[in-house]
Amino acid sequence: MTIQEWVLTLIVSLIPIIGFIMLFIWGFSNNSNANKANFAKSALIVWAILITFYFSFFLIFGVALLRAMNNY
């Protein structure tokens, strides 16, 4: 892939909903570049890890906050 293609790939992947959908398309389509497919798959793995950490963090501190509010 050329630098222009990588820049375009990064710009499109940063668009909130469209970028997420494009990561799935690039990662799992048969006619996608192998480098772009690997990038998309790794980006989806990172997204999954971040979402898991976010919800775990929210759950732990959300429960703690609710318990603290019940003490008042």
C-alpha atoms as a PDB file:
ATOM      1  CA  MET A   1       0.000   0.000   0.000  1.00  0.00           C
ATOM      2  CA  THR A   2       1.166   3.510  -0.706  1.00  0.00           C
ATOM      3  CA  ILE A   3       1.318   6.323   1.805  1.00  0.00           C
ATOM      4  CA  GLN A   4      -1.766   7.904   0.230  1.00  0.00           C
ATOM      5  CA  GLU A   5      -3.730   4.691   0.717  1.00  0.00           C
ATOM      6  CA  TRP A   6      -2.649   4.456   4.368  1.00  0.00           C
ATOM      7  CA  VAL A   7      -3.592   8.085   5.026  1.00  0.00           C
ATOM      8  CA  LEU A   8      -6.990   7.538   3.424  1.00  0.00           C
ATOM      9  CA  THR A   9      -7.454   4.332   5.429  1.00  0.00           C
ATOM     10  CA  LEU A  10      -6.654   6.111   8.693  1.00  0.00           C
ATOM     11  CA  ILE A  11      -8.919   9.059   7.895  1.00  0.00           C
ATOM     12  CA  VAL A  12     -11.853   6.812   7.003  1.00  0.00           C
ATOM     13  CA  SER A  13     -11.302   4.641  10.096  1.00  0.00           C
ATOM     14  CA  LEU A  14     -11.523   7.745  12.315  1.00  0.00           C
ATOM     15  CA  ILE A  15     -15.064   8.611  11.168  1.00  0.00           C
ATOM     16  CA  PRO A  16     -17.231   7.479  14.100  1.00  0.00           C
ATOM     17  CA  ILE A  17     -19.766   4.957  12.745  1.00  0.00           C
ATOM     18  CA  ILE A  18     -18.608   4.589   9.159  1.00  0.00           C
ATOM     19  CA  GLY A  19     -15.039   3.887  10.244  1.00  0.00           C
ATOM     20  CA  PHE A  20     -16.148   1.080  12.548  1.00  0.00           C
ATOM     21  CA  ILE A  21     -18.185  -0.512   9.751  1.00  0.00           C
ATOM     22  CA  MET A  22     -15.289  -0.094   7.314  1.00  0.00           C
ATOM     23  CA  LEU A  23     -12.952  -1.897   9.724  1.00  0.00           C
ATOM     24  CA  PHE A  24     -15.229  -4.929   9.499  1.00  0.00           C
ATOM     25  CA  ILE A  25     -15.410  -4.674   5.708  1.00  0.00           C
ATOM     26  CA  TRP A  26     -11.650  -4.308   5.302  1.00  0.00           C
ATOM     27  CA  GLY A  27     -10.883  -6.988   7.842  1.00  0.00           C
ATOM     28  CA  PHE A  28     -13.166  -9.711   6.580  1.00  0.00           C
ATOM     29  CA  SER A  29     -13.620  -9.171   2.838  1.00  0.00           C
ATOM     30  CA  ASN A  30     -11.789 -11.436   0.419  1.00  0.00           C
ATOM     31  CA  ASN A  31     -10.653  -8.728  -2.003  1.00  0.00           C
ATOM     32  CA  SER A  32      -9.044  -6.424   0.581  1.00  0.00           C
ATOM     33  CA  ASN A  33      -5.302  -5.812   0.748  1.00  0.00           C
ATOM     34  CA  ALA A  34      -3.616  -8.181   3.238  1.00  0.00           C
ATOM     35  CA  ASN A  35      -1.933  -5.302   5.077  1.00  0.00           C
ATOM     36  CA  LYS A  36      -5.185  -3.369   5.345  1.00  0.00           C
ATOM     37  CA  ALA A  37      -7.019  -6.511   6.514  1.00  0.00           C
ATOM     38  CA  ASN A  38      -4.459  -7.121   9.259  1.00  0.00           C
ATOM     39  CA  PHE A  39      -4.646  -3.476  10.324  1.00  0.00           C
ATOM     40  CA  ALA A  40      -8.448  -3.623  10.473  1.00  0.00           C
ATOM     41  CA  LYS A  41      -8.456  -6.841  12.490  1.00  0.00           C
ATOM     42  CA  SER A  42      -5.926  -5.466  14.967  1.00  0.00           C
ATOM     43  CA  ALA A  43      -7.902  -2.211  15.288  1.00  0.00           C
ATOM     44  CA  LEU A  44     -11.066  -4.207  16.025  1.00  0.00           C
ATOM     45  CA  ILE A  45      -9.215  -6.187  18.709  1.00  0.00           C
ATOM     46  CA  VAL A  46      -8.014  -2.946  20.303  1.00  0.00           C
ATOM     47  CA  TRP A  47     -11.591  -1.576  20.188  1.00  0.00           C
ATOM     48  CA  ALA A  48     -12.875  -4.729  21.904  1.00  0.00           C
ATOM     49  CA  ILE A  49     -10.247  -4.444  24.650  1.00  0.00           C
ATOM     50  CA  LEU A  50     -10.994  -0.752  25.210  1.00  0.00           C
ATOM     51  CA  ILE A  51     -14.747  -1.309  25.361  1.00  0.00           C
ATOM     52  CA  THR A  52     -14.242  -4.156  27.850  1.00  0.00           C
ATOM     53  CA  PHE A  53     -12.056  -1.962  30.064  1.00  0.00           C
ATOM     54  CA  TYR A  54     -14.527   0.920  29.788  1.00  0.00           C
ATOM     55  CA  PHE A  55     -17.507  -1.143  30.862  1.00  0.00           C
ATOM     56  CA  SER A  56     -15.524  -2.826  33.656  1.00  0.00           C
ATOM     57  CA  PHE A  57     -14.384   0.556  34.930  1.00  0.00           C
ATOM     58  CA  PHE A  58     -17.916   1.962  34.681  1.00  0.00           C
ATOM     59  CA  LEU A  59     -19.390  -1.046  36.460  1.00  0.00           C
ATOM     60  CA  ILE A  60     -16.897  -0.980  39.343  1.00  0.00           C
ATOM     61  CA  PHE A  61     -17.060   2.760  39.960  1.00  0.00           C
ATOM     62  CA  GLY A  62     -20.758   3.006  39.162  1.00  0.00           C
ATOM     63  CA  VAL A  63     -21.601   0.441  41.835  1.00  0.00           C
ATOM     64  CA  ALA A  64     -19.259   2.155  44.290  1.00  0.00           C
ATOM     65  CA  LEU A  65     -20.889   5.529  43.568  1.00  0.00           C
ATOM     66  CA  LEU A  66     -24.390   4.134  44.030  1.00  0.00           C
ATOM     67  CA  ARG A  67     -23.389   2.556  47.341  1.00  0.00           C
ATOM     68  CA  ALA A  68     -21.866   5.833  48.501  1.00  0.00           C
ATOM     69  CA  MET A  69     -25.020   7.731  47.541  1.00  0.00           C
ATOM     70  CA  ASN A  70     -27.172   5.303  49.541  1.00  0.00           C
ATOM     71  CA  ASN A  71     -25.191   6.121  52.691  1.00  0.00           C
ATOM     72  CA  TYR A  72     -26.390   9.730  52.654  1.00  0.00           C
END
